[in-house]
Amino acid sequence: MSKLKIEHGASKVNWVLLKTNIEDSIANEIELMCQWSENDRKYIVNELLRFALAQSEEFQKYKAERDSAPSKKVNEPKPTSLIIPPTDLASKASSPNAGTAGRQHSTEL
């Protein structure tokens, strides 16, 4: 099993806006990881997703089969990067409802 490695200092890549909702507790964890690693949220979210995708054996098998299949004209998905706008997560972390798992945090990723 691979280990997730977060490098200090974010890399420069092309970013594409992806809108989604994440839970408050996850947003708080991402913010904490950003503080710990001294990285931007978009870098952390990309590294977490890259790691998760690499760990999904079923997805990797599907991807390999699709790539080795005879060339059909398939709409290739564009590479996407997540951009999470700055929010006041530090104040949310100190509120008593910050750890509520059922609540969602609406943000643009």
Protein backbone atom coordinates (compact mmCIF):
# COMPACT_ATOMS: atom_id res chain seq x y z
CA MET A 1 0.00 0.00 0.00
CA SER A 2 1.31 3.41 -0.92
CA LYS A 3 1.66 6.28 1.48
CA LEU A 4 0.33 9.77 0.88
CA LYS A 5 3.17 12.26 0.68
CA ILE A 6 2.48 15.97 0.91
CA GLU A 7 5.39 18.11 -0.16
CA HIS A 8 5.94 21.51 1.40
CA GLY A 9 5.25 24.26 -1.16
CA ALA A 10 2.68 23.79 -3.95
CA SER A 11 3.50 23.08 -7.57
CA LYS A 12 2.41 25.16 -10.54
CA VAL A 13 -0.23 23.51 -12.72
CA ASN A 14 -3.18 24.56 -14.87
CA TRP A 15 -6.33 24.79 -12.76
CA VAL A 16 -9.91 24.05 -13.85
CA LEU A 17 -12.88 25.05 -11.71
CA LEU A 18 -14.97 22.15 -10.38
CA LYS A 19 -18.05 22.91 -8.28
CA THR A 20 -18.99 20.43 -5.56
CA ASN A 21 -20.08 20.15 -1.93
CA ILE A 22 -17.94 18.74 0.84
CA GLU A 23 -18.76 18.11 4.46
CA ASP A 24 -17.72 20.67 7.08
CA SER A 25 -15.61 18.11 8.91
CA ILE A 26 -13.65 17.32 5.73
CA ALA A 27 -13.20 21.02 4.93
CA ASN A 28 -11.82 21.51 8.45
CA GLU A 29 -9.40 18.61 8.03
CA ILE A 30 -8.20 20.00 4.70
CA GLU A 31 -7.66 23.42 6.26
CA LEU A 32 -5.66 21.84 9.07
CA MET A 33 -3.55 19.89 6.56
CA CYS A 34 -2.91 23.14 4.67
CA GLN A 35 -1.65 24.80 7.83
CA TRP A 36 0.47 21.79 8.75
CA SER A 37 2.09 21.46 5.30
CA GLU A 38 2.20 25.16 4.41
CA ASN A 39 0.38 24.51 1.13
CA ASP A 40 -2.63 25.94 -0.69
CA ARG A 41 -5.96 24.11 -0.43
CA LYS A 42 -6.03 23.39 -4.14
CA TYR A 43 -2.68 21.60 -3.90
CA ILE A 44 -3.80 19.51 -0.90
CA VAL A 45 -7.12 18.55 -2.49
CA ASN A 46 -5.38 17.56 -5.73
CA GLU A 47 -2.83 15.42 -3.89
CA LEU A 48 -5.57 13.72 -1.84
CA LEU A 49 -7.63 12.96 -4.95
CA ARG A 50 -4.58 11.79 -6.92
CA PHE A 51 -3.70 9.43 -4.08
CA ALA A 52 -7.27 8.13 -3.74
CA LEU A 53 -7.59 7.50 -7.48
CA ALA A 54 -4.28 5.63 -7.56
CA GLN A 55 -5.42 3.42 -4.65
CA SER A 56 -8.71 2.41 -6.31
CA GLU A 57 -7.85 -0.96 -7.87
CA GLU A 58 -11.18 -1.33 -9.65
CA PHE A 59 -10.87 2.12 -11.22
CA GLN A 60 -7.27 1.48 -12.29
CA LYS A 61 -8.33 -1.81 -13.88
CA TYR A 62 -11.16 -0.05 -15.75
CA LYS A 63 -8.79 2.70 -16.86
CA ALA A 64 -6.22 0.19 -18.16
CA GLU A 65 -8.88 -1.80 -20.03
CA ARG A 66 -10.29 1.38 -21.58
CA ASP A 67 -6.83 2.57 -22.63
CA SER A 68 -5.96 -0.79 -24.22
CA ALA A 69 -9.30 -1.18 -26.05
CA PRO A 70 -9.40 -0.49 -29.79
CA SER A 71 -9.54 3.19 -30.42
CA LYS A 72 -13.13 4.32 -30.37
CA LYS A 73 -13.90 7.99 -30.49
CA VAL A 74 -14.45 8.47 -26.75
CA ASN A 75 -14.91 11.85 -25.16
CA GLU A 76 -11.82 12.08 -23.00
CA PRO A 77 -12.46 13.89 -19.73
CA LYS A 78 -10.46 17.06 -19.32
CA PRO A 79 -7.97 17.04 -16.45
CA THR A 80 -9.54 18.91 -13.59
CA SER A 81 -8.04 20.60 -10.62
CA LEU A 82 -9.92 21.64 -7.56
CA ILE A 83 -10.02 25.21 -6.36
CA ILE A 84 -11.43 25.79 -2.92
CA PRO A 85 -12.10 29.46 -2.21
CA PRO A 86 -10.80 30.90 1.04
CA THR A 87 -13.29 30.54 3.84
CA ASP A 88 -13.20 31.27 7.50
CA LEU A 89 -12.67 27.64 8.51
CA ALA A 90 -10.67 28.58 11.59
CA SER A 91 -13.72 30.17 13.19
CA LYS A 92 -15.87 27.18 12.20
CA ALA A 93 -13.38 24.81 13.82
CA SER A 94 -13.87 26.53 17.17
CA SER A 95 -17.67 26.46 16.97
CA PRO A 96 -19.49 23.63 18.81
CA ASN A 97 -21.18 22.35 15.61
CA ALA A 98 -17.93 22.13 13.59
CA GLY A 99 -17.61 18.36 13.89
CA THR A 100 -21.17 17.53 12.82
CA ALA A 101 -20.63 14.80 10.24
CA GLY A 102 -24.04 15.09 8.58
CA ARG A 103 -23.63 18.74 7.59
CA GLN A 104 -22.20 19.68 4.23
CA HIS A 105 -19.91 22.53 3.34
CA SER A 106 -20.87 24.09 0.03
CA THR A 107 -17.84 25.28 -1.88
CA GLU A 108 -16.39 25.44 -5.33
CA LEU A 109 -13.75 22.81 -5.87
